[in-house]
Amino acid sequence: MNPAPVSTIVAALDSIRDPDRRLIVAIAGAPGSGKSTLSEATRDALNAREKGVAEILPMDGYHLDNAILDARGWRSRKGAPHTFDVAAFARDLARARAADEPMFAPVFDRGLDLSRGSAREIAPACRVVIVEGNYLLIDEAPWNRLADLFDYRVFLSVPETVLETRLVQRWRDHGFSSDKARAKALGNDIPNARYVVSHSVGADLVIGTDA
């Protein structure tokens, strides 16, 4: 991870931090844009200065279960905007803001292809919650109800050609053949990426990369 974006984010958070109020930070971008890597690097940089001050709340933990997706005929579009429990996500963001008790959040397990409930603790001592996900800055309902829940918003801007290469490789890493990996990436991930790019608004910082 290039340290420059992390340093920029940390400096921005330092300028707005309030000891009496927990910060909620959004790191958004298309599938394959590097959200998880940047979120982890930012968390680690903050925690290196002050142990336990930052934790990550991933949007992916709010995937609808495969049984529900199957029942609705949505399994092939898993990861699309309508395949998440946005209401539960919004409720947990409000809980994260309160910071008055330990919060246990779900985390998506890619190996199992499901969300594990209460898999990550966000302790009251945590003062910066980094929320990472595709649809955090979307301007359409129901995702637009999240807009006022963030104190600082970062968007990763990555060319579609780069995303395609990363996403195909991601599916290959999960055991898919080259043809099937490409079909998965182009059939679902890239349409989702285009939606993210065209409907994300309100970023305080846009980080561009072409590699």
N, C-alpha and C. Protein backbone atom coordinates (compact mmCIF):
# COMPACT_ATOMS: atom_id res chain seq x y z
N MET A 1 0.85 -1.20 0.00
CA MET A 1 0.00 0.00 0.00
C MET A 1 0.88 1.24 0.00
N ASN A 2 0.63 2.11 -0.98
CA ASN A 2 1.31 3.40 -1.03
C ASN A 2 0.98 4.18 0.25
N PRO A 3 2.00 4.63 0.99
CA PRO A 3 1.71 5.29 2.28
C PRO A 3 1.08 6.67 2.13
N ALA A 4 1.15 7.27 0.94
CA ALA A 4 0.64 8.63 0.78
C ALA A 4 -0.86 8.75 1.07
N PRO A 5 -1.71 7.89 0.49
CA PRO A 5 -3.14 8.02 0.81
C PRO A 5 -3.43 7.81 2.30
N VAL A 6 -2.72 6.88 2.92
CA VAL A 6 -2.93 6.64 4.34
C VAL A 6 -2.57 7.87 5.15
N SER A 7 -1.43 8.46 4.83
CA SER A 7 -1.00 9.67 5.55
C SER A 7 -1.99 10.81 5.37
N THR A 8 -2.53 10.94 4.16
CA THR A 8 -3.51 11.99 3.89
C THR A 8 -4.76 11.79 4.72
N ILE A 9 -5.24 10.54 4.78
CA ILE A 9 -6.44 10.25 5.56
C ILE A 9 -6.19 10.48 7.05
N VAL A 10 -5.07 9.99 7.55
CA VAL A 10 -4.77 10.15 8.97
C VAL A 10 -4.67 11.63 9.33
N ALA A 11 -4.04 12.41 8.48
CA ALA A 11 -3.93 13.86 8.75
C ALA A 11 -5.30 14.52 8.77
N ALA A 12 -6.17 14.11 7.83
CA ALA A 12 -7.52 14.68 7.79
C ALA A 12 -8.30 14.30 9.05
N LEU A 13 -8.16 13.07 9.49
CA LEU A 13 -8.88 12.65 10.69
C LEU A 13 -8.35 13.36 11.93
N ASP A 14 -7.04 13.57 11.97
CA ASP A 14 -6.48 14.30 13.11
C ASP A 14 -7.07 15.70 13.21
N SER A 15 -7.38 16.29 12.06
CA SER A 15 -7.88 17.67 12.05
C SER A 15 -9.32 17.78 12.52
N ILE A 16 -10.06 16.66 12.48
CA ILE A 16 -11.47 16.72 12.86
C ILE A 16 -11.81 15.88 14.09
N ARG A 17 -10.82 15.19 14.64
CA ARG A 17 -11.10 14.34 15.80
C ARG A 17 -11.52 15.14 17.01
N ASP A 18 -12.49 14.59 17.72
CA ASP A 18 -13.03 15.19 18.93
C ASP A 18 -12.95 14.13 20.02
N PRO A 19 -12.26 14.38 21.12
CA PRO A 19 -12.11 13.36 22.16
C PRO A 19 -13.43 12.88 22.75
N ASP A 20 -14.48 13.67 22.57
CA ASP A 20 -15.77 13.30 23.16
C ASP A 20 -16.72 12.68 22.14
N ARG A 21 -16.21 12.42 20.92
CA ARG A 21 -17.11 11.91 19.88
C ARG A 21 -16.36 10.93 18.99
N ARG A 22 -16.94 9.77 18.77
CA ARG A 22 -16.34 8.78 17.88
C ARG A 22 -16.52 9.21 16.43
N LEU A 23 -15.46 9.05 15.64
CA LEU A 23 -15.52 9.36 14.21
C LEU A 23 -15.94 8.13 13.42
N ILE A 24 -16.80 8.34 12.44
CA ILE A 24 -17.21 7.28 11.53
C ILE A 24 -16.71 7.67 10.14
N VAL A 25 -15.82 6.87 9.59
CA VAL A 25 -15.14 7.18 8.32
C VAL A 25 -15.58 6.18 7.25
N ALA A 26 -15.97 6.68 6.09
CA ALA A 26 -16.36 5.82 4.97
C ALA A 26 -15.21 5.71 3.98
N ILE A 27 -14.86 4.49 3.61
CA ILE A 27 -13.93 4.25 2.51
C ILE A 27 -14.69 3.43 1.47
N ALA A 28 -15.04 4.08 0.37
CA ALA A 28 -15.92 3.49 -0.64
C ALA A 28 -15.21 3.37 -1.98
N GLY A 29 -15.76 2.51 -2.83
CA GLY A 29 -15.22 2.35 -4.17
C GLY A 29 -15.79 1.10 -4.79
N ALA A 30 -15.50 0.91 -6.05
CA ALA A 30 -16.02 -0.25 -6.79
C ALA A 30 -15.40 -1.54 -6.28
N PRO A 31 -16.01 -2.69 -6.60
CA PRO A 31 -15.38 -3.97 -6.29
C PRO A 31 -13.98 -4.02 -6.90
N GLY A 32 -13.01 -4.45 -6.10
CA GLY A 32 -11.66 -4.55 -6.61
C GLY A 32 -10.85 -3.27 -6.58
N SER A 33 -11.39 -2.22 -6.00
CA SER A 33 -10.68 -0.92 -6.01
C SER A 33 -9.62 -0.80 -4.93
N GLY A 34 -9.61 -1.72 -3.96
CA GLY A 34 -8.60 -1.68 -2.91
C GLY A 34 -9.09 -1.13 -1.58
N LYS A 35 -10.40 -1.17 -1.37
CA LYS A 35 -10.99 -0.62 -0.14
C LYS A 35 -10.47 -1.32 1.11
N SER A 36 -10.46 -2.64 1.07
CA SER A 36 -10.03 -3.40 2.25
C SER A 36 -8.57 -3.12 2.58
N THR A 37 -7.73 -3.08 1.55
CA THR A 37 -6.31 -2.83 1.76
C THR A 37 -6.09 -1.44 2.37
N LEU A 38 -6.77 -0.43 1.82
CA LEU A 38 -6.62 0.92 2.35
C LEU A 38 -7.20 1.03 3.76
N SER A 39 -8.33 0.40 4.00
CA SER A 39 -8.94 0.44 5.34
C SER A 39 -8.02 -0.19 6.38
N GLU A 40 -7.45 -1.34 6.05
CA GLU A 40 -6.57 -2.02 6.99
C GLU A 40 -5.30 -1.21 7.25
N ALA A 41 -4.77 -0.61 6.19
CA ALA A 41 -3.56 0.19 6.35
C ALA A 41 -3.83 1.43 7.20
N THR A 42 -5.00 2.04 7.01
CA THR A 42 -5.36 3.22 7.80
C THR A 42 -5.58 2.84 9.26
N ARG A 43 -6.31 1.75 9.48
CA ARG A 43 -6.50 1.27 10.86
C ARG A 43 -5.16 1.00 11.53
N ASP A 44 -4.28 0.30 10.82
CA ASP A 44 -2.99 -0.06 11.42
C ASP A 44 -2.15 1.17 11.73
N ALA A 45 -2.21 2.18 10.85
CA ALA A 45 -1.46 3.42 11.09
C ALA A 45 -1.97 4.14 12.34
N LEU A 46 -3.29 4.19 12.48
CA LEU A 46 -3.87 4.83 13.66
C LEU A 46 -3.56 4.04 14.93
N ASN A 47 -3.65 2.72 14.86
CA ASN A 47 -3.40 1.89 16.04
C ASN A 47 -1.92 1.85 16.42
N ALA A 48 -1.04 2.10 15.45
CA ALA A 48 0.39 2.15 15.75
C ALA A 48 0.71 3.33 16.65
N ARG A 49 -0.08 4.38 16.53
CA ARG A 49 0.12 5.58 17.37
C ARG A 49 -0.61 5.46 18.70
N GLU A 50 -1.76 4.78 18.67
CA GLU A 50 -2.61 4.68 19.87
C GLU A 50 -3.35 3.34 19.82
N LYS A 51 -2.90 2.39 20.57
CA LYS A 51 -3.42 1.03 20.50
C LYS A 51 -4.94 0.99 20.74
N GLY A 52 -5.64 0.31 19.82
CA GLY A 52 -7.07 0.11 19.97
C GLY A 52 -7.94 1.29 19.61
N VAL A 53 -7.37 2.32 19.00
CA VAL A 53 -8.15 3.53 18.71
C VAL A 53 -9.03 3.37 17.48
N ALA A 54 -8.70 2.41 16.59
CA ALA A 54 -9.44 2.28 15.33
C ALA A 54 -9.81 0.83 15.06
N GLU A 55 -10.96 0.66 14.41
CA GLU A 55 -11.40 -0.67 13.98
C GLU A 55 -12.21 -0.51 12.70
N ILE A 56 -12.36 -1.64 11.98
CA ILE A 56 -13.05 -1.64 10.69
C ILE A 56 -14.42 -2.29 10.84
N LEU A 57 -15.43 -1.64 10.25
CA LEU A 57 -16.78 -2.20 10.15
C LEU A 57 -17.05 -2.43 8.67
N PRO A 58 -16.98 -3.68 8.19
CA PRO A 58 -17.14 -3.93 6.75
C PRO A 58 -18.60 -4.05 6.32
N MET A 59 -18.94 -3.37 5.24
CA MET A 59 -20.29 -3.46 4.67
C MET A 59 -20.63 -4.89 4.26
N ASP A 60 -19.61 -5.66 3.84
CA ASP A 60 -19.86 -7.00 3.32
C ASP A 60 -20.48 -7.94 4.35
N GLY A 61 -20.36 -7.60 5.62
CA GLY A 61 -20.99 -8.43 6.65
C GLY A 61 -22.50 -8.44 6.55
N TYR A 62 -23.06 -7.53 5.78
CA TYR A 62 -24.52 -7.39 5.69
C TYR A 62 -25.09 -7.99 4.40
N HIS A 63 -24.31 -8.87 3.76
CA HIS A 63 -24.84 -9.67 2.66
C HIS A 63 -26.08 -10.44 3.14
N LEU A 64 -27.11 -10.49 2.32
CA LEU A 64 -28.21 -11.40 2.60
C LEU A 64 -27.71 -12.84 2.49
N ASP A 65 -28.27 -13.73 3.30
CA ASP A 65 -27.87 -15.13 3.28
C ASP A 65 -28.21 -15.77 1.94
N ASN A 66 -27.41 -16.77 1.55
CA ASN A 66 -27.63 -17.44 0.26
C ASN A 66 -29.03 -18.04 0.14
N ALA A 67 -29.59 -18.52 1.25
CA ALA A 67 -30.94 -19.11 1.19
C ALA A 67 -31.96 -18.06 0.78
N ILE A 68 -31.81 -16.85 1.28
CA ILE A 68 -32.72 -15.76 0.90
C ILE A 68 -32.49 -15.37 -0.55
N LEU A 69 -31.23 -15.27 -0.95
CA LEU A 69 -30.92 -14.94 -2.33
C LEU A 69 -31.48 -15.98 -3.29
N ASP A 70 -31.37 -17.24 -2.93
CA ASP A 70 -31.92 -18.31 -3.78
C ASP A 70 -33.43 -18.20 -3.88
N ALA A 71 -34.08 -17.93 -2.74
CA ALA A 71 -35.54 -17.84 -2.73
C ALA A 71 -36.04 -16.69 -3.60
N ARG A 72 -35.25 -15.65 -3.72
CA ARG A 72 -35.65 -14.48 -4.50
C ARG A 72 -35.08 -14.48 -5.92
N GLY A 73 -34.30 -15.51 -6.23
CA GLY A 73 -33.69 -15.58 -7.55
C GLY A 73 -32.57 -14.59 -7.76
N TRP A 74 -31.89 -14.20 -6.69
CA TRP A 74 -30.86 -13.17 -6.74
C TRP A 74 -29.45 -13.73 -6.59
N ARG A 75 -29.28 -15.03 -6.49
CA ARG A 75 -27.96 -15.57 -6.15
C ARG A 75 -26.89 -15.17 -7.16
N SER A 76 -27.24 -15.13 -8.44
CA SER A 76 -26.25 -14.80 -9.46
C SER A 76 -25.80 -13.34 -9.38
N ARG A 77 -26.58 -12.52 -8.68
CA ARG A 77 -26.23 -11.10 -8.53
C ARG A 77 -25.73 -10.77 -7.13
N LYS A 78 -25.32 -11.80 -6.40
CA LYS A 78 -24.82 -11.56 -5.05
C LYS A 78 -23.72 -10.50 -5.08
N GLY A 79 -23.87 -9.51 -4.22
CA GLY A 79 -22.95 -8.38 -4.22
C GLY A 79 -23.51 -7.14 -4.88
N ALA A 80 -24.63 -7.29 -5.60
CA ALA A 80 -25.30 -6.14 -6.19
C ALA A 80 -25.99 -5.33 -5.09
N PRO A 81 -26.36 -4.09 -5.34
CA PRO A 81 -26.91 -3.24 -4.28
C PRO A 81 -28.11 -3.83 -3.55
N HIS A 82 -28.97 -4.56 -4.27
CA HIS A 82 -30.20 -5.05 -3.64
C HIS A 82 -30.00 -6.34 -2.85
N THR A 83 -28.75 -6.83 -2.75
CA THR A 83 -28.51 -8.10 -2.06
C THR A 83 -27.91 -7.92 -0.67
N PHE A 84 -28.13 -6.75 -0.08
CA PHE A 84 -27.64 -6.45 1.26
C PHE A 84 -28.80 -6.04 2.17
N ASP A 85 -28.62 -6.25 3.46
CA ASP A 85 -29.59 -5.79 4.46
C ASP A 85 -29.19 -4.37 4.87
N VAL A 86 -29.63 -3.41 4.08
CA VAL A 86 -29.23 -2.02 4.29
C VAL A 86 -29.79 -1.48 5.60
N ALA A 87 -30.99 -1.89 5.96
CA ALA A 87 -31.60 -1.39 7.20
C ALA A 87 -30.78 -1.81 8.42
N ALA A 88 -30.35 -3.06 8.45
CA ALA A 88 -29.53 -3.54 9.56
C ALA A 88 -28.18 -2.82 9.59
N PHE A 89 -27.63 -2.59 8.42
CA PHE A 89 -26.36 -1.87 8.33
C PHE A 89 -26.51 -0.46 8.89
N ALA A 90 -27.57 0.23 8.51
CA ALA A 90 -27.80 1.59 9.01
C ALA A 90 -28.00 1.59 10.53
N ARG A 91 -28.72 0.60 11.04
CA ARG A 91 -28.92 0.52 12.49
C ARG A 91 -27.58 0.33 13.21
N ASP A 92 -26.72 -0.52 12.65
CA ASP A 92 -25.43 -0.76 13.30
C ASP A 92 -24.51 0.45 13.19
N LEU A 93 -24.62 1.22 12.12
CA LEU A 93 -23.85 2.45 12.05
C LEU A 93 -24.29 3.43 13.13
N ALA A 94 -25.58 3.48 13.40
CA ALA A 94 -26.08 4.33 14.48
C ALA A 94 -25.58 3.83 15.84
N ARG A 95 -25.53 2.52 15.99
CA ARG A 95 -24.98 1.95 17.23
C ARG A 95 -23.50 2.28 17.36
N ALA A 96 -22.79 2.20 16.24
CA ALA A 96 -21.36 2.53 16.27
C ALA A 96 -21.14 3.97 16.68
N ARG A 97 -22.01 4.84 16.26
CA ARG A 97 -21.91 6.26 16.62
C ARG A 97 -22.06 6.44 18.13
N ALA A 98 -22.95 5.69 18.76
CA ALA A 98 -23.23 5.87 20.18
C ALA A 98 -22.01 5.59 21.05
N ALA A 99 -21.26 4.56 20.72
CA ALA A 99 -19.99 4.25 21.43
C ALA A 99 -20.17 4.09 22.93
N ASP A 100 -21.34 3.62 23.35
CA ASP A 100 -21.61 3.53 24.78
C ASP A 100 -21.51 2.11 25.33
N GLU A 101 -21.26 1.12 24.47
CA GLU A 101 -21.12 -0.26 24.90
C GLU A 101 -20.41 -1.05 23.80
N PRO A 102 -19.86 -2.23 24.13
CA PRO A 102 -19.24 -3.03 23.08
C PRO A 102 -20.25 -3.36 21.98
N MET A 103 -19.79 -3.28 20.75
CA MET A 103 -20.64 -3.60 19.60
C MET A 103 -20.01 -4.77 18.87
N PHE A 104 -20.85 -5.73 18.50
CA PHE A 104 -20.37 -6.91 17.78
C PHE A 104 -20.99 -6.91 16.39
N ALA A 105 -20.13 -6.90 15.38
CA ALA A 105 -20.58 -6.74 14.00
C ALA A 105 -20.34 -8.01 13.19
N PRO A 106 -21.15 -8.23 12.15
CA PRO A 106 -20.95 -9.40 11.28
C PRO A 106 -19.79 -9.15 10.32
N VAL A 107 -19.15 -10.23 9.91
CA VAL A 107 -18.04 -10.17 8.96
C VAL A 107 -18.27 -11.23 7.89
N PHE A 108 -18.08 -10.86 6.63
CA PHE A 108 -18.28 -11.81 5.54
C PHE A 108 -17.06 -12.70 5.39
N ASP A 109 -17.30 -14.00 5.34
CA ASP A 109 -16.25 -15.00 5.17
C ASP A 109 -16.27 -15.44 3.71
N ARG A 110 -15.29 -15.01 2.93
CA ARG A 110 -15.27 -15.33 1.50
C ARG A 110 -15.11 -16.83 1.26
N GLY A 111 -14.34 -17.49 2.11
CA GLY A 111 -14.15 -18.92 1.95
C GLY A 111 -15.44 -19.70 2.12
N LEU A 112 -16.25 -19.31 3.09
CA LEU A 112 -17.53 -19.97 3.35
C LEU A 112 -18.66 -19.37 2.52
N ASP A 113 -18.43 -18.19 1.94
CA ASP A 113 -19.42 -17.46 1.16
C ASP A 113 -20.65 -17.11 1.99
N LEU A 114 -20.41 -16.68 3.22
CA LEU A 114 -21.51 -16.27 4.09
C LEU A 114 -21.00 -15.31 5.16
N SER A 115 -21.95 -14.61 5.77
CA SER A 115 -21.62 -13.69 6.86
C SER A 115 -21.64 -14.43 8.19
N ARG A 116 -20.64 -14.14 9.02
CA ARG A 116 -20.58 -14.70 10.37
C ARG A 116 -21.00 -13.60 11.35
N GLY A 117 -22.11 -13.84 12.03
CA GLY A 117 -22.65 -12.83 12.93
C GLY A 117 -21.77 -12.61 14.15
N SER A 118 -21.76 -11.38 14.64
CA SER A 118 -21.04 -11.00 15.86
C SER A 118 -19.59 -11.47 15.82
N ALA A 119 -18.94 -11.30 14.66
CA ALA A 119 -17.59 -11.83 14.47
C ALA A 119 -16.50 -10.80 14.75
N ARG A 120 -16.86 -9.53 14.92
CA ARG A 120 -15.86 -8.50 15.20
C ARG A 120 -16.37 -7.57 16.29
N GLU A 121 -15.53 -7.31 17.28
CA GLU A 121 -15.90 -6.41 18.36
C GLU A 121 -15.36 -5.01 18.10
N ILE A 122 -16.22 -4.04 18.31
CA ILE A 122 -15.81 -2.63 18.31
C ILE A 122 -16.02 -2.14 19.74
N ALA A 123 -14.94 -2.00 20.46
CA ALA A 123 -15.00 -1.66 21.88
C ALA A 123 -15.29 -0.18 22.07
N PRO A 124 -15.84 0.20 23.22
CA PRO A 124 -16.11 1.62 23.49
C PRO A 124 -14.87 2.49 23.38
N ALA A 125 -13.69 1.91 23.67
CA ALA A 125 -12.45 2.69 23.60
C ALA A 125 -12.05 3.04 22.17
N CYS A 126 -12.62 2.36 21.20
CA CYS A 126 -12.35 2.67 19.79
C CYS A 126 -12.93 4.04 19.46
N ARG A 127 -12.10 4.94 18.95
CA ARG A 127 -12.55 6.30 18.66
C ARG A 127 -12.73 6.58 17.17
N VAL A 128 -12.24 5.66 16.32
CA VAL A 128 -12.40 5.81 14.87
C VAL A 128 -12.88 4.50 14.30
N VAL A 129 -14.07 4.52 13.73
CA VAL A 129 -14.61 3.33 13.06
C VAL A 129 -14.50 3.57 11.56
N ILE A 130 -13.75 2.70 10.89
CA ILE A 130 -13.55 2.80 9.45
C ILE A 130 -14.53 1.85 8.77
N VAL A 131 -15.47 2.41 8.05
CA VAL A 131 -16.50 1.62 7.37
C VAL A 131 -16.08 1.48 5.91
N GLU A 132 -15.96 0.24 5.43
CA GLU A 132 -15.54 0.07 4.04
C GLU A 132 -16.57 -0.73 3.27
N GLY A 133 -16.84 -0.28 2.02
CA GLY A 133 -17.82 -0.98 1.21
C GLY A 133 -18.08 -0.28 -0.11
N ASN A 134 -18.72 -0.99 -1.00
CA ASN A 134 -18.98 -0.46 -2.34
C ASN A 134 -19.95 0.72 -2.35
N TYR A 135 -21.03 0.60 -1.57
CA TYR A 135 -22.21 1.45 -1.79
C TYR A 135 -22.41 2.53 -0.73
N LEU A 136 -21.37 2.87 -0.02
CA LEU A 136 -21.51 3.81 1.11
C LEU A 136 -21.90 5.21 0.68
N LEU A 137 -21.54 5.62 -0.52
CA LEU A 137 -21.79 7.00 -0.96
C LEU A 137 -22.83 7.08 -2.08
N ILE A 138 -23.64 6.05 -2.20
CA ILE A 138 -24.64 5.99 -3.27
C ILE A 138 -25.74 7.03 -3.02
N ASP A 139 -26.20 7.66 -4.12
CA ASP A 139 -27.19 8.73 -4.01
C ASP A 139 -28.63 8.26 -4.19
N GLU A 140 -28.86 6.95 -4.22
CA GLU A 140 -30.21 6.41 -4.40
C GLU A 140 -30.62 5.60 -3.18
N ALA A 141 -31.95 5.56 -2.95
CA ALA A 141 -32.49 4.78 -1.84
C ALA A 141 -32.28 3.28 -2.11
N PRO A 142 -32.08 2.49 -1.05
CA PRO A 142 -32.04 2.89 0.37
C PRO A 142 -30.66 3.31 0.85
N TRP A 143 -29.66 3.22 -0.02
CA TRP A 143 -28.29 3.49 0.42
C TRP A 143 -28.08 4.95 0.81
N ASN A 144 -28.84 5.86 0.24
CA ASN A 144 -28.60 7.28 0.55
C ASN A 144 -28.97 7.65 1.98
N ARG A 145 -29.60 6.75 2.70
CA ARG A 145 -29.89 7.03 4.12
C ARG A 145 -28.61 7.01 4.97
N LEU A 146 -27.51 6.51 4.39
CA LEU A 146 -26.26 6.43 5.14
C LEU A 146 -25.48 7.73 5.14
N ALA A 147 -25.79 8.63 4.23
CA ALA A 147 -24.95 9.80 3.98
C ALA A 147 -24.62 10.60 5.23
N ASP A 148 -25.60 10.81 6.09
CA ASP A 148 -25.39 11.65 7.26
C ASP A 148 -24.71 10.92 8.42
N LEU A 149 -24.40 9.65 8.23
CA LEU A 149 -23.81 8.86 9.30
C LEU A 149 -22.29 8.90 9.30
N PHE A 150 -21.69 9.51 8.27
CA PHE A 150 -20.24 9.54 8.14
C PHE A 150 -19.69 10.94 8.42
N ASP A 151 -18.54 10.97 9.11
CA ASP A 151 -17.86 12.24 9.38
C ASP A 151 -16.85 12.58 8.29
N TYR A 152 -16.34 11.57 7.63
CA TYR A 152 -15.34 11.78 6.59
C TYR A 152 -15.51 10.68 5.55
N ARG A 153 -15.42 11.06 4.25
CA ARG A 153 -15.75 10.13 3.17
C ARG A 153 -14.61 10.08 2.17
N VAL A 154 -14.13 8.86 1.91
CA VAL A 154 -13.05 8.64 0.95
C VAL A 154 -13.60 7.78 -0.18
N PHE A 155 -13.24 8.13 -1.41
CA PHE A 155 -13.66 7.33 -2.56
C PHE A 155 -12.43 6.94 -3.37
N LEU A 156 -12.32 5.65 -3.71
CA LEU A 156 -11.23 5.14 -4.52
C LEU A 156 -11.66 5.09 -5.98
N SER A 157 -10.95 5.80 -6.81
CA SER A 157 -11.27 5.87 -8.24
C SER A 157 -10.23 5.06 -9.02
N VAL A 158 -10.68 3.98 -9.64
CA VAL A 158 -9.78 3.06 -10.34
C VAL A 158 -10.34 2.80 -11.74
N PRO A 159 -9.53 2.86 -12.79
CA PRO A 159 -10.03 2.61 -14.14
C PRO A 159 -10.67 1.22 -14.26
N GLU A 160 -11.70 1.13 -15.09
CA GLU A 160 -12.42 -0.13 -15.24
C GLU A 160 -11.51 -1.25 -15.74
N THR A 161 -10.56 -0.93 -16.60
CA THR A 161 -9.66 -1.97 -17.09
C THR A 161 -8.84 -2.60 -15.96
N VAL A 162 -8.44 -1.77 -15.01
CA VAL A 162 -7.69 -2.26 -13.86
C VAL A 162 -8.59 -3.10 -12.96
N LEU A 163 -9.82 -2.62 -12.74
CA LEU A 163 -10.77 -3.38 -11.94
C LEU A 163 -11.01 -4.76 -12.55
N GLU A 164 -11.21 -4.79 -13.87
CA GLU A 164 -11.50 -6.06 -14.54
C GLU A 164 -10.37 -7.06 -14.31
N THR A 165 -9.13 -6.60 -14.47
CA THR A 165 -7.98 -7.48 -14.26
C THR A 165 -7.95 -8.01 -12.83
N ARG A 166 -8.18 -7.13 -11.87
CA ARG A 166 -8.15 -7.54 -10.46
C ARG A 166 -9.28 -8.52 -10.14
N LEU A 167 -10.46 -8.24 -10.67
CA LEU A 167 -11.63 -9.06 -10.34
C LEU A 167 -11.54 -10.45 -10.96
N VAL A 168 -11.06 -10.53 -12.18
CA VAL A 168 -10.86 -11.84 -12.80
C VAL A 168 -9.86 -12.65 -11.97
N GLN A 169 -8.78 -12.00 -11.57
CA GLN A 169 -7.78 -12.70 -10.77
C GLN A 169 -8.35 -13.13 -9.42
N ARG A 170 -9.21 -12.30 -8.84
CA ARG A 170 -9.83 -12.65 -7.56
C ARG A 170 -10.60 -13.96 -7.69
N TRP A 171 -11.40 -14.09 -8.76
CA TRP A 171 -12.17 -15.32 -8.95
C TRP A 171 -11.27 -16.50 -9.28
N ARG A 172 -10.19 -16.26 -10.01
CA ARG A 172 -9.25 -17.34 -10.26
C ARG A 172 -8.62 -17.82 -8.96
N ASP A 173 -8.33 -16.88 -8.06
CA ASP A 173 -7.77 -17.24 -6.76
C ASP A 173 -8.74 -18.06 -5.93
N HIS A 174 -10.03 -17.96 -6.26
CA HIS A 174 -11.04 -18.76 -5.57
C HIS A 174 -11.31 -20.08 -6.27
N GLY A 175 -10.47 -20.42 -7.24
CA GLY A 175 -10.55 -21.74 -7.85
C GLY A 175 -11.30 -21.82 -9.16
N PHE A 176 -11.75 -20.69 -9.70
CA PHE A 176 -12.49 -20.70 -10.97
C PHE A 176 -11.50 -20.75 -12.13
N SER A 177 -11.93 -21.39 -13.23
CA SER A 177 -11.14 -21.38 -14.45
C SER A 177 -11.08 -19.96 -15.00
N SER A 178 -10.18 -19.73 -15.95
CA SER A 178 -10.05 -18.39 -16.52
C SER A 178 -11.36 -17.92 -17.14
N ASP A 179 -12.02 -18.82 -17.89
CA ASP A 179 -13.27 -18.44 -18.55
C ASP A 179 -14.37 -18.14 -17.54
N LYS A 180 -14.49 -19.00 -16.53
CA LYS A 180 -15.54 -18.79 -15.53
C LYS A 180 -15.24 -17.56 -14.67
N ALA A 181 -13.98 -17.33 -14.38
CA ALA A 181 -13.60 -16.14 -13.60
C ALA A 181 -13.95 -14.87 -14.37
N ARG A 182 -13.68 -14.88 -15.65
CA ARG A 182 -14.00 -13.72 -16.47
C ARG A 182 -15.51 -13.52 -16.57
N ALA A 183 -16.25 -14.62 -16.69
CA ALA A 183 -17.71 -14.52 -16.76
C ALA A 183 -18.27 -13.96 -15.46
N LYS A 184 -17.73 -14.40 -14.33
CA LYS A 184 -18.20 -13.89 -13.04
C LYS A 184 -17.91 -12.38 -12.92
N ALA A 185 -16.71 -11.99 -13.32
CA ALA A 185 -16.33 -10.59 -13.19
C ALA A 185 -17.16 -9.69 -14.10
N LEU A 186 -17.33 -10.11 -15.35
CA LEU A 186 -18.04 -9.27 -16.30
C LEU A 186 -19.56 -9.34 -16.13
N GLY A 187 -20.05 -10.46 -15.60
CA GLY A 187 -21.50 -10.62 -15.47
C GLY A 187 -22.10 -9.95 -14.25
N ASN A 188 -21.29 -9.73 -13.21
CA ASN A 188 -21.84 -9.16 -11.99
C ASN A 188 -20.96 -8.04 -11.42
N ASP A 189 -19.68 -8.30 -11.24
CA ASP A 189 -18.81 -7.33 -10.59
C ASP A 189 -18.69 -6.02 -11.38
N ILE A 190 -18.46 -6.12 -12.67
CA ILE A 190 -18.27 -4.90 -13.46
C ILE A 190 -19.56 -4.07 -13.55
N PRO A 191 -20.74 -4.68 -13.75
CA PRO A 191 -21.96 -3.86 -13.66
C PRO A 191 -22.11 -3.17 -12.31
N ASN A 192 -21.76 -3.87 -11.22
CA ASN A 192 -21.81 -3.24 -9.91
C ASN A 192 -20.81 -2.09 -9.82
N ALA A 193 -19.63 -2.29 -10.39
CA ALA A 193 -18.61 -1.24 -10.38
C ALA A 193 -19.09 0.00 -11.11
N ARG A 194 -19.71 -0.20 -12.26
CA ARG A 194 -20.21 0.94 -13.03
C ARG A 194 -21.28 1.71 -12.24
N TYR A 195 -22.10 0.97 -11.51
CA TYR A 195 -23.13 1.61 -10.68
C TYR A 195 -22.48 2.44 -9.58
N VAL A 196 -21.46 1.88 -8.95
CA VAL A 196 -20.76 2.60 -7.88
C VAL A 196 -20.17 3.90 -8.42
N VAL A 197 -19.50 3.82 -9.55
CA VAL A 197 -18.83 4.99 -10.12
C VAL A 197 -19.84 6.07 -10.50
N SER A 198 -20.97 5.66 -11.06
CA SER A 198 -21.94 6.65 -11.56
C SER A 198 -22.85 7.22 -10.47
N HIS A 199 -22.93 6.56 -9.31
CA HIS A 199 -23.89 7.00 -8.29
C HIS A 199 -23.27 7.39 -6.96
N SER A 200 -21.95 7.37 -6.86
CA SER A 200 -21.31 7.76 -5.60
C SER A 200 -21.07 9.26 -5.58
N VAL A 201 -21.46 9.90 -4.49
CA VAL A 201 -21.35 11.36 -4.37
C VAL A 201 -20.85 11.73 -2.97
N GLY A 202 -20.37 12.96 -2.86
CA GLY A 202 -20.10 13.53 -1.54
C GLY A 202 -18.78 13.17 -0.91
N ALA A 203 -17.82 12.66 -1.68
CA ALA A 203 -16.53 12.30 -1.10
C ALA A 203 -15.76 13.54 -0.66
N ASP A 204 -15.13 13.46 0.51
CA ASP A 204 -14.24 14.52 0.96
C ASP A 204 -12.85 14.37 0.34
N LEU A 205 -12.50 13.14 -0.03
CA LEU A 205 -11.20 12.84 -0.62
C LEU A 205 -11.40 11.77 -1.68
N VAL A 206 -10.92 12.02 -2.89
CA VAL A 206 -10.92 11.04 -3.96
C VAL A 206 -9.47 10.62 -4.22
N ILE A 207 -9.24 9.33 -4.13
CA ILE A 207 -7.91 8.78 -4.36
C ILE A 207 -7.92 8.02 -5.67
N GLY A 208 -7.11 8.46 -6.60
CA GLY A 208 -7.05 7.81 -7.90
C GLY A 208 -5.85 6.90 -8.02
N THR A 209 -6.03 5.81 -8.75
CA THR A 209 -4.92 4.89 -9.02
C THR A 209 -5.15 4.24 -10.36
N ASP A 210 -4.07 3.93 -11.04
CA ASP A 210 -4.20 3.27 -12.35
C ASP A 210 -3.37 2.00 -12.42
N ALA A 211 -3.04 1.45 -11.25
CA ALA A 211 -2.24 0.23 -11.23
C ALA A 211 -2.73 -0.70 -10.12
